Amino acid sequence: MPLVTTEINDGIAQVRLNRPEKLNALTLDLLRELVATAKELRKNRDLRAVVIAGEGDAFTAGLDFASVLRDPKKIVGAFTPVPFRGTNLFQESVWAWRRLPVPVIAAVHGHCLGGGVQIALGADFRIAEPDSQWSVLEGKWGIIPDMTGIRSLSEVVGLDTAKKLTMTAEQFSGERAYELGLVTELSADPVATATAFARKLSERSPDQLAAAKRLFNDTWYAPIKRTFSRERIEQLRLLFGENTKIAREAAFKREKPTYKPRR
């Protein structure tokens, strides 16, 4: 059985962590499949959005230490960054979703612990059950979040909160995660809500969505002049694009646009 499954309907990819008997605990093989899945989806120019969730009773309970620590040589390989990419396997399993030029929505239920928090933060949006259980759990095991979690946490919560969550490894509910800013929206059915949101996003130009994601991700911490420069570049590309023309004409006619594949 694949450890990560993908089904695409109407341009929306439903990606699932598929190790339900182990609460989708993360193994090196599962992380590799996450990277491969994101890489494959990136090639699909008809793709409009991604919903990532977990099968069974949890999003993911975090790293499967028993499996990962079994072979120290493989750990060394997994920690080695790929030249020019700047990430190792652990980091790329999260950052690959940032590289996707479409919105990614994490639908969280049950446990979202350790690496699960980091995978969820790799998405553009997070929709969670109010009673889902969250924890930056690495501190319990004497380690730190290293799947891009330091950067991701700094983007959604204050510095003191990021330090507190990392240092204490406290467990808290999805409702509390929403109050802290880790979660975008609460829902009794995160997958259904995430899918409805994905459909809503798919009504917008895929080129506009890609440009917006690029711009925010690439300039969030950039100097003002660089941000303004990137705004101008992205906007000029969009202004003369075919999908922008389609969006404009549909808006004037009050019709539903039918877009071309993402540029």
C-alpha atoms as a PDB file:
ATOM      1  CA  MET A   1       0.000   0.000   0.000  1.00  0.00           C
ATOM      2  CA  PRO A   2       1.279   3.508  -0.768  1.00  0.00           C
ATOM      3  CA  LEU A   3       2.032   5.598   2.294  1.00  0.00           C
ATOM      4  CA  VAL A   4       0.707   8.706   0.529  1.00  0.00           C
ATOM      5  CA  THR A   5      -2.285   8.563  -1.799  1.00  0.00           C
ATOM      6  CA  THR A   6      -3.545  11.128  -4.296  1.00  0.00           C
ATOM      7  CA  GLU A   7      -6.877  11.502  -6.074  1.00  0.00           C
ATOM      8  CA  ILE A   8      -7.625  14.435  -8.364  1.00  0.00           C
ATOM      9  CA  ASN A   9     -11.157  15.586  -9.151  1.00  0.00           C
ATOM     10  CA  ASP A  10     -12.052  18.832 -10.939  1.00  0.00           C
ATOM     11  CA  GLY A  11      -8.514  20.105 -10.520  1.00  0.00           C
ATOM     12  CA  ILE A  12      -8.437  19.537  -6.754  1.00  0.00           C
ATOM     13  CA  ALA A  13      -5.950  16.973  -5.431  1.00  0.00           C
ATOM     14  CA  GLN A  14      -6.924  15.046  -2.319  1.00  0.00           C
ATOM     15  CA  VAL A  15      -3.640  13.925  -0.738  1.00  0.00           C
ATOM     16  CA  ARG A  16      -3.736  11.535   2.198  1.00  0.00           C
ATOM     17  CA  LEU A  17      -1.164  10.291   4.673  1.00  0.00           C
ATOM     18  CA  ASN A  18      -1.960   6.598   4.507  1.00  0.00           C
ATOM     19  CA  ARG A  19      -0.644   4.811   7.576  1.00  0.00           C
ATOM     20  CA  PRO A  20      -3.801   4.828   9.699  1.00  0.00           C
ATOM     21  CA  GLU A  21      -2.862   1.799  11.805  1.00  0.00           C
ATOM     22  CA  LYS A  22       0.048   3.868  13.192  1.00  0.00           C
ATOM     23  CA  LEU A  23      -1.838   7.180  13.349  1.00  0.00           C
ATOM     24  CA  ASN A  24       0.061   8.157  10.188  1.00  0.00           C
ATOM     25  CA  ALA A  25       3.344   8.320  12.107  1.00  0.00           C
ATOM     26  CA  LEU A  26       6.095   9.584   9.834  1.00  0.00           C
ATOM     27  CA  THR A  27       8.726   7.210   8.456  1.00  0.00           C
ATOM     28  CA  LEU A  28      11.509   8.034   6.017  1.00  0.00           C
ATOM     29  CA  ASP A  29       9.591   6.223   3.280  1.00  0.00           C
ATOM     30  CA  LEU A  30       6.465   8.256   3.998  1.00  0.00           C
ATOM     31  CA  LEU A  31       8.477  11.478   3.861  1.00  0.00           C
ATOM     32  CA  ARG A  32       9.971  10.432   0.526  1.00  0.00           C
ATOM     33  CA  GLU A  33       6.483   9.774  -0.836  1.00  0.00           C
ATOM     34  CA  LEU A  34       5.365  13.216   0.341  1.00  0.00           C
ATOM     35  CA  VAL A  35       8.222  14.822  -1.579  1.00  0.00           C
ATOM     36  CA  ALA A  36       7.562  12.713  -4.676  1.00  0.00           C
ATOM     37  CA  THR A  37       3.834  13.508  -4.549  1.00  0.00           C
ATOM     38  CA  ALA A  38       4.409  17.253  -4.333  1.00  0.00           C
ATOM     39  CA  LYS A  39       6.940  17.082  -7.152  1.00  0.00           C
ATOM     40  CA  GLU A  40       4.520  15.193  -9.381  1.00  0.00           C
ATOM     41  CA  LEU A  41       1.631  17.551  -8.621  1.00  0.00           C
ATOM     42  CA  ARG A  42       3.812  20.525  -9.492  1.00  0.00           C
ATOM     43  CA  LYS A  43       3.960  19.300 -13.094  1.00  0.00           C
ATOM     44  CA  ASN A  44       0.159  19.346 -13.413  1.00  0.00           C
ATOM     45  CA  ARG A  45      -0.769  22.694 -14.944  1.00  0.00           C
ATOM     46  CA  ASP A  46      -4.471  21.910 -14.651  1.00  0.00           C
ATOM     47  CA  LEU A  47      -4.184  21.573 -10.883  1.00  0.00           C
ATOM     48  CA  ARG A  48      -6.066  24.244  -8.937  1.00  0.00           C
ATOM     49  CA  ALA A  49      -5.637  23.341  -5.257  1.00  0.00           C
ATOM     50  CA  VAL A  50      -4.538  20.607  -2.856  1.00  0.00           C
ATOM     51  CA  VAL A  51      -6.206  19.283   0.284  1.00  0.00           C
ATOM     52  CA  ILE A  52      -3.869  17.257   2.492  1.00  0.00           C
ATOM     53  CA  ALA A  53      -5.241  15.171   5.360  1.00  0.00           C
ATOM     54  CA  GLY A  54      -4.684  11.912   7.214  1.00  0.00           C
ATOM     55  CA  GLU A  55      -6.507   8.614   6.898  1.00  0.00           C
ATOM     56  CA  GLY A  56      -8.027   7.025   9.978  1.00  0.00           C
ATOM     57  CA  ASP A  57      -8.115   8.684  13.376  1.00  0.00           C
ATOM     58  CA  ALA A  58      -5.371  11.287  13.020  1.00  0.00           C
ATOM     59  CA  PHE A  59      -3.647  13.790  10.777  1.00  0.00           C
ATOM     60  CA  THR A  60      -0.320  12.432  12.023  1.00  0.00           C
ATOM     61  CA  ALA A  61       1.128  11.587  15.430  1.00  0.00           C
ATOM     62  CA  GLY A  62       4.563  12.793  14.316  1.00  0.00           C
ATOM     63  CA  LEU A  63       7.829  10.984  13.731  1.00  0.00           C
ATOM     64  CA  ASP A  64       7.951   7.198  14.120  1.00  0.00           C
ATOM     65  CA  PHE A  65      11.178   7.089  16.133  1.00  0.00           C
ATOM     66  CA  ALA A  66      11.327   3.278  16.242  1.00  0.00           C
ATOM     67  CA  SER A  67      11.352   3.142  12.462  1.00  0.00           C
ATOM     68  CA  VAL A  68      13.547   6.152  11.741  1.00  0.00           C
ATOM     69  CA  LEU A  69      16.259   5.343  14.312  1.00  0.00           C
ATOM     70  CA  ARG A  70      16.566   1.747  13.137  1.00  0.00           C
ATOM     71  CA  ASP A  71      19.229   2.583  10.554  1.00  0.00           C
ATOM     72  CA  PRO A  72      21.617   5.441  11.487  1.00  0.00           C
ATOM     73  CA  LYS A  73      23.103   5.497   7.959  1.00  0.00           C
ATOM     74  CA  LYS A  74      19.721   6.345   6.487  1.00  0.00           C
ATOM     75  CA  ILE A  75      19.310   9.157   9.009  1.00  0.00           C
ATOM     76  CA  VAL A  76      22.606  10.681   7.887  1.00  0.00           C
ATOM     77  CA  GLY A  77      21.421  10.515   4.289  1.00  0.00           C
ATOM     78  CA  ALA A  78      18.068  12.044   5.192  1.00  0.00           C
ATOM     79  CA  PHE A  79      19.812  14.919   6.980  1.00  0.00           C
ATOM     80  CA  THR A  80      22.056  15.726   4.019  1.00  0.00           C
ATOM     81  CA  PRO A  81      20.680  18.665   2.022  1.00  0.00           C
ATOM     82  CA  VAL A  82      20.295  18.367  -1.731  1.00  0.00           C
ATOM     83  CA  PRO A  83      22.672  20.747  -3.570  1.00  0.00           C
ATOM     84  CA  PHE A  84      21.023  23.951  -4.831  1.00  0.00           C
ATOM     85  CA  ARG A  85      17.702  23.016  -3.167  1.00  0.00           C
ATOM     86  CA  GLY A  86      18.833  23.881   0.335  1.00  0.00           C
ATOM     87  CA  THR A  87      16.671  21.306   2.122  1.00  0.00           C
ATOM     88  CA  ASN A  88      17.166  17.765   3.355  1.00  0.00           C
ATOM     89  CA  LEU A  89      14.491  15.038   3.227  1.00  0.00           C
ATOM     90  CA  PHE A  90      12.824  16.083   6.479  1.00  0.00           C
ATOM     91  CA  GLN A  91      12.648  19.729   5.416  1.00  0.00           C
ATOM     92  CA  GLU A  92      11.644  19.087   1.801  1.00  0.00           C
ATOM     93  CA  SER A  93       8.714  16.881   2.882  1.00  0.00           C
ATOM     94  CA  VAL A  94       7.204  20.132   4.195  1.00  0.00           C
ATOM     95  CA  TRP A  95       8.766  22.812   1.988  1.00  0.00           C
ATOM     96  CA  ALA A  96       7.794  20.985  -1.207  1.00  0.00           C
ATOM     97  CA  TRP A  97       4.202  22.082  -0.540  1.00  0.00           C
ATOM     98  CA  ARG A  98       5.393  25.678  -0.353  1.00  0.00           C
ATOM     99  CA  ARG A  99       6.940  25.222  -3.788  1.00  0.00           C
ATOM    100  CA  LEU A 100       3.629  24.114  -5.319  1.00  0.00           C
ATOM    101  CA  PRO A 101       2.181  26.997  -7.377  1.00  0.00           C
ATOM    102  CA  VAL A 102      -1.352  26.294  -6.102  1.00  0.00           C
ATOM    103  CA  PRO A 103      -3.045  26.809  -2.722  1.00  0.00           C
ATOM    104  CA  VAL A 104      -2.485  23.928  -0.288  1.00  0.00           C
ATOM    105  CA  ILE A 105      -4.977  23.380   2.535  1.00  0.00           C
ATOM    106  CA  ALA A 106      -4.286  21.091   5.486  1.00  0.00           C
ATOM    107  CA  ALA A 107      -7.415  19.447   6.943  1.00  0.00           C
ATOM    108  CA  VAL A 108      -6.537  18.392  10.495  1.00  0.00           C
ATOM    109  CA  HIS A 109      -8.374  15.963  12.745  1.00  0.00           C
ATOM    110  CA  GLY A 110      -7.262  13.848  15.689  1.00  0.00           C
ATOM    111  CA  HIS A 111      -3.578  14.124  16.547  1.00  0.00           C
ATOM    112  CA  CYS A 112      -1.362  16.728  14.900  1.00  0.00           C
ATOM    113  CA  LEU A 113       1.895  16.315  16.747  1.00  0.00           C
ATOM    114  CA  GLY A 114       5.559  17.113  16.143  1.00  0.00           C
ATOM    115  CA  GLY A 115       6.258  16.758  12.442  1.00  0.00           C
ATOM    116  CA  GLY A 116       2.496  16.878  11.873  1.00  0.00           C
ATOM    117  CA  VAL A 117       2.402  20.483  13.035  1.00  0.00           C
ATOM    118  CA  GLN A 118       5.231  21.269  10.653  1.00  0.00           C
ATOM    119  CA  ILE A 119       3.499  19.578   7.704  1.00  0.00           C
ATOM    120  CA  ALA A 120       0.310  21.483   8.504  1.00  0.00           C
ATOM    121  CA  LEU A 121       2.284  24.737   8.641  1.00  0.00           C
ATOM    122  CA  GLY A 122       3.750  23.917   5.235  1.00  0.00           C
ATOM    123  CA  ALA A 123       0.262  24.388   3.817  1.00  0.00           C
ATOM    124  CA  ASP A 124      -1.105  27.822   2.964  1.00  0.00           C
ATOM    125  CA  PHE A 125      -4.180  27.304   5.132  1.00  0.00           C
ATOM    126  CA  ARG A 126      -5.127  25.011   8.020  1.00  0.00           C
ATOM    127  CA  ILE A 127      -8.668  23.907   8.833  1.00  0.00           C
ATOM    128  CA  ALA A 128      -8.973  21.854  12.003  1.00  0.00           C
ATOM    129  CA  GLU A 129     -11.462  20.136  14.275  1.00  0.00           C
ATOM    130  CA  PRO A 130     -11.954  22.123  17.501  1.00  0.00           C
ATOM    131  CA  ASP A 131     -11.013  19.061  19.573  1.00  0.00           C
ATOM    132  CA  SER A 132      -7.996  18.022  17.460  1.00  0.00           C
ATOM    133  CA  GLN A 133      -4.834  17.697  19.531  1.00  0.00           C
ATOM    134  CA  TRP A 134      -1.749  19.762  18.687  1.00  0.00           C
ATOM    135  CA  SER A 135       1.764  19.874  20.075  1.00  0.00           C
ATOM    136  CA  VAL A 136       5.215  20.950  18.962  1.00  0.00           C
ATOM    137  CA  LEU A 137       6.153  17.643  20.506  1.00  0.00           C
ATOM    138  CA  GLU A 138       9.866  17.539  19.693  1.00  0.00           C
ATOM    139  CA  GLY A 139      10.717  19.120  23.047  1.00  0.00           C
ATOM    140  CA  LYS A 140       9.370  16.039  24.834  1.00  0.00           C
ATOM    141  CA  TRP A 141      12.100  13.982  23.150  1.00  0.00           C
ATOM    142  CA  GLY A 142      14.857  16.508  23.783  1.00  0.00           C
ATOM    143  CA  ILE A 143      15.023  17.817  20.226  1.00  0.00           C
ATOM    144  CA  ILE A 144      13.760  20.807  18.238  1.00  0.00           C
ATOM    145  CA  PRO A 145      11.392  21.133  15.244  1.00  0.00           C
ATOM    146  CA  ASP A 146      13.669  20.759  12.216  1.00  0.00           C
ATOM    147  CA  MET A 147      11.237  20.138   9.341  1.00  0.00           C
ATOM    148  CA  THR A 148      11.197  23.894   8.536  1.00  0.00           C
ATOM    149  CA  GLY A 149       9.164  24.371  11.725  1.00  0.00           C
ATOM    150  CA  ILE A 150      11.203  27.244  13.139  1.00  0.00           C
ATOM    151  CA  ARG A 151      10.554  29.354  10.041  1.00  0.00           C
ATOM    152  CA  SER A 152       6.897  28.306   9.787  1.00  0.00           C
ATOM    153  CA  LEU A 153       6.142  28.991  13.438  1.00  0.00           C
ATOM    154  CA  SER A 154       7.710  32.434  13.177  1.00  0.00           C
ATOM    155  CA  GLU A 155       5.295  33.293  10.369  1.00  0.00           C
ATOM    156  CA  VAL A 156       2.079  32.540  12.252  1.00  0.00           C
ATOM    157  CA  VAL A 157       2.722  33.267  15.946  1.00  0.00           C
ATOM    158  CA  GLY A 158       4.788  35.741  17.941  1.00  0.00           C
ATOM    159  CA  LEU A 159       8.387  34.993  18.889  1.00  0.00           C
ATOM    160  CA  ASP A 160       7.573  34.365  22.547  1.00  0.00           C
ATOM    161  CA  THR A 161       4.722  32.009  21.650  1.00  0.00           C
ATOM    162  CA  ALA A 162       6.907  30.106  19.185  1.00  0.00           C
ATOM    163  CA  LYS A 163       9.552  29.696  21.889  1.00  0.00           C
ATOM    164  CA  LYS A 164       6.981  28.613  24.467  1.00  0.00           C
ATOM    165  CA  LEU A 165       5.413  25.971  22.230  1.00  0.00           C
ATOM    166  CA  THR A 166       8.840  24.664  21.228  1.00  0.00           C
ATOM    167  CA  MET A 167      10.341  24.636  24.707  1.00  0.00           C
ATOM    168  CA  THR A 168       7.376  23.220  26.630  1.00  0.00           C
ATOM    169  CA  ALA A 169       5.972  20.741  24.070  1.00  0.00           C
ATOM    170  CA  GLU A 170       2.579  21.405  25.660  1.00  0.00           C
ATOM    171  CA  GLN A 171      -0.466  19.771  24.074  1.00  0.00           C
ATOM    172  CA  PHE A 172      -3.480  21.899  23.214  1.00  0.00           C
ATOM    173  CA  SER A 173      -6.736  21.699  21.299  1.00  0.00           C
ATOM    174  CA  GLY A 174      -7.546  22.818  17.790  1.00  0.00           C
ATOM    175  CA  GLU A 175      -9.616  25.582  19.345  1.00  0.00           C
ATOM    176  CA  ARG A 176      -6.557  26.833  21.209  1.00  0.00           C
ATOM    177  CA  ALA A 177      -4.467  26.447  18.038  1.00  0.00           C
ATOM    178  CA  TYR A 178      -6.957  28.732  16.308  1.00  0.00           C
ATOM    179  CA  GLU A 179      -6.655  31.308  19.105  1.00  0.00           C
ATOM    180  CA  LEU A 180      -2.853  31.200  18.783  1.00  0.00           C
ATOM    181  CA  GLY A 181      -2.976  31.688  15.002  1.00  0.00           C
ATOM    182  CA  LEU A 182      -1.778  28.216  13.998  1.00  0.00           C
ATOM    183  CA  VAL A 183      -5.175  27.368  12.499  1.00  0.00           C
ATOM    184  CA  THR A 184      -7.006  29.376   9.834  1.00  0.00           C
ATOM    185  CA  GLU A 185     -10.505  28.056  10.516  1.00  0.00           C
ATOM    186  CA  LEU A 186     -12.282  25.546  12.759  1.00  0.00           C
ATOM    187  CA  SER A 187     -14.677  22.946  11.370  1.00  0.00           C
ATOM    188  CA  ALA A 188     -16.448  19.799  12.542  1.00  0.00           C
ATOM    189  CA  ASP A 189     -15.582  18.332   9.127  1.00  0.00           C
ATOM    190  CA  PRO A 190     -12.201  19.746   8.083  1.00  0.00           C
ATOM    191  CA  VAL A 191     -11.933  17.792   4.809  1.00  0.00           C
ATOM    192  CA  ALA A 192     -15.368  18.921   3.598  1.00  0.00           C
ATOM    193  CA  THR A 193     -14.658  22.530   4.585  1.00  0.00           C
ATOM    194  CA  ALA A 194     -11.196  22.444   3.027  1.00  0.00           C
ATOM    195  CA  THR A 195     -12.580  20.967  -0.199  1.00  0.00           C
ATOM    196  CA  ALA A 196     -15.306  23.629  -0.393  1.00  0.00           C
ATOM    197  CA  PHE A 197     -12.650  26.302   0.120  1.00  0.00           C
ATOM    198  CA  ALA A 198     -10.483  24.702  -2.578  1.00  0.00           C
ATOM    199  CA  ARG A 199     -13.425  24.840  -5.002  1.00  0.00           C
ATOM    200  CA  LYS A 200     -13.927  28.508  -4.181  1.00  0.00           C
ATOM    201  CA  LEU A 201     -10.257  29.224  -4.853  1.00  0.00           C
ATOM    202  CA  SER A 202     -10.444  27.315  -8.137  1.00  0.00           C
ATOM    203  CA  GLU A 203     -12.882  29.957  -9.400  1.00  0.00           C
ATOM    204  CA  ARG A 204      -9.977  32.421  -9.519  1.00  0.00           C
ATOM    205  CA  SER A 205      -7.284  32.619 -12.175  1.00  0.00           C
ATOM    206  CA  PRO A 206      -4.646  29.927 -11.559  1.00  0.00           C
ATOM    207  CA  ASP A 207      -1.979  32.410 -12.633  1.00  0.00           C
ATOM    208  CA  GLN A 208      -3.183  34.943 -10.053  1.00  0.00           C
ATOM    209  CA  LEU A 209      -3.180  32.308  -7.302  1.00  0.00           C
ATOM    210  CA  ALA A 210       0.340  31.203  -8.217  1.00  0.00           C
ATOM    211  CA  ALA A 211       1.592  34.800  -8.311  1.00  0.00           C
ATOM    212  CA  ALA A 212       0.024  35.655  -4.959  1.00  0.00           C
ATOM    213  CA  LYS A 213       1.523  32.574  -3.304  1.00  0.00           C
ATOM    214  CA  ARG A 214       4.963  33.276  -4.790  1.00  0.00           C
ATOM    215  CA  LEU A 215       4.862  36.907  -3.777  1.00  0.00           C
ATOM    216  CA  PHE A 216       3.855  36.331  -0.168  1.00  0.00           C
ATOM    217  CA  ASN A 217       6.203  33.379   0.350  1.00  0.00           C
ATOM    218  CA  ASP A 218       9.206  35.044  -1.260  1.00  0.00           C
ATOM    219  CA  THR A 219       8.891  38.534   0.212  1.00  0.00           C
ATOM    220  CA  TRP A 220       7.355  38.075   3.681  1.00  0.00           C
ATOM    221  CA  TYR A 221      10.678  38.950   5.314  1.00  0.00           C
ATOM    222  CA  ALA A 222      12.189  40.836   2.379  1.00  0.00           C
ATOM    223  CA  PRO A 223      13.203  44.520   2.381  1.00  0.00           C
ATOM    224  CA  ILE A 224      10.480  46.914   1.214  1.00  0.00           C
ATOM    225  CA  LYS A 225      12.172  47.796  -2.095  1.00  0.00           C
ATOM    226  CA  ARG A 226      12.511  44.130  -3.044  1.00  0.00           C
ATOM    227  CA  THR A 227       8.852  43.524  -2.213  1.00  0.00           C
ATOM    228  CA  PHE A 228       7.738  46.466  -4.330  1.00  0.00           C
ATOM    229  CA  SER A 229       9.932  45.286  -7.193  1.00  0.00           C
ATOM    230  CA  ARG A 230       8.450  41.794  -7.067  1.00  0.00           C
ATOM    231  CA  GLU A 231       4.931  43.280  -6.993  1.00  0.00           C
ATOM    232  CA  ARG A 232       5.627  45.151 -10.233  1.00  0.00           C
ATOM    233  CA  ILE A 233       7.128  42.102 -11.951  1.00  0.00           C
ATOM    234  CA  GLU A 234       4.313  39.767 -10.973  1.00  0.00           C
ATOM    235  CA  GLN A 235       1.649  42.296 -11.909  1.00  0.00           C
ATOM    236  CA  LEU A 236       3.118  42.979 -15.343  1.00  0.00           C
ATOM    237  CA  ARG A 237       3.167  39.251 -16.077  1.00  0.00           C
ATOM    238  CA  LEU A 238      -0.474  38.964 -15.038  1.00  0.00           C
ATOM    239  CA  LEU A 239      -1.785  42.046 -16.839  1.00  0.00           C
ATOM    240  CA  PHE A 240      -0.999  40.650 -20.269  1.00  0.00           C
ATOM    241  CA  GLY A 241      -1.808  37.022 -19.493  1.00  0.00           C
ATOM    242  CA  GLU A 242      -4.555  35.002 -21.146  1.00  0.00           C
ATOM    243  CA  ASN A 243      -6.128  33.904 -17.873  1.00  0.00           C
ATOM    244  CA  THR A 244      -6.286  37.517 -16.690  1.00  0.00           C
ATOM    245  CA  LYS A 245      -8.184  38.412 -19.841  1.00  0.00           C
ATOM    246  CA  ILE A 246     -10.554  35.506 -19.231  1.00  0.00           C
ATOM    247  CA  ALA A 247     -11.139  36.653 -15.633  1.00  0.00           C
ATOM    248  CA  ARG A 248     -11.737  40.242 -16.720  1.00  0.00           C
ATOM    249  CA  GLU A 249     -14.197  39.347 -19.481  1.00  0.00           C
ATOM    250  CA  ALA A 250     -16.089  36.931 -17.234  1.00  0.00           C
ATOM    251  CA  ALA A 251     -16.364  39.593 -14.526  1.00  0.00           C
ATOM    252  CA  PHE A 252     -17.791  42.130 -16.975  1.00  0.00           C
ATOM    253  CA  LYS A 253     -20.285  39.587 -18.335  1.00  0.00           C
ATOM    254  CA  ARG A 254     -21.037  38.209 -14.857  1.00  0.00           C
ATOM    255  CA  GLU A 255     -20.248  34.727 -16.087  1.00  0.00           C
ATOM    256  CA  LYS A 256     -18.257  31.902 -14.579  1.00  0.00           C
ATOM    257  CA  PRO A 257     -14.762  31.936 -16.130  1.00  0.00           C
ATOM    258  CA  THR A 258     -13.236  28.900 -17.795  1.00  0.00           C
ATOM    259  CA  TYR A 259      -9.496  29.191 -17.405  1.00  0.00           C
ATOM    260  CA  LYS A 260      -6.656  27.851 -19.485  1.00  0.00           C
ATOM    261  CA  PRO A 261      -3.965  25.688 -17.821  1.00  0.00           C
ATOM    262  CA  ARG A 262      -1.709  27.549 -15.412  1.00  0.00           C
ATOM    263  CA  ARG A 263       1.044  29.419 -17.220  1.00  0.00           C
END
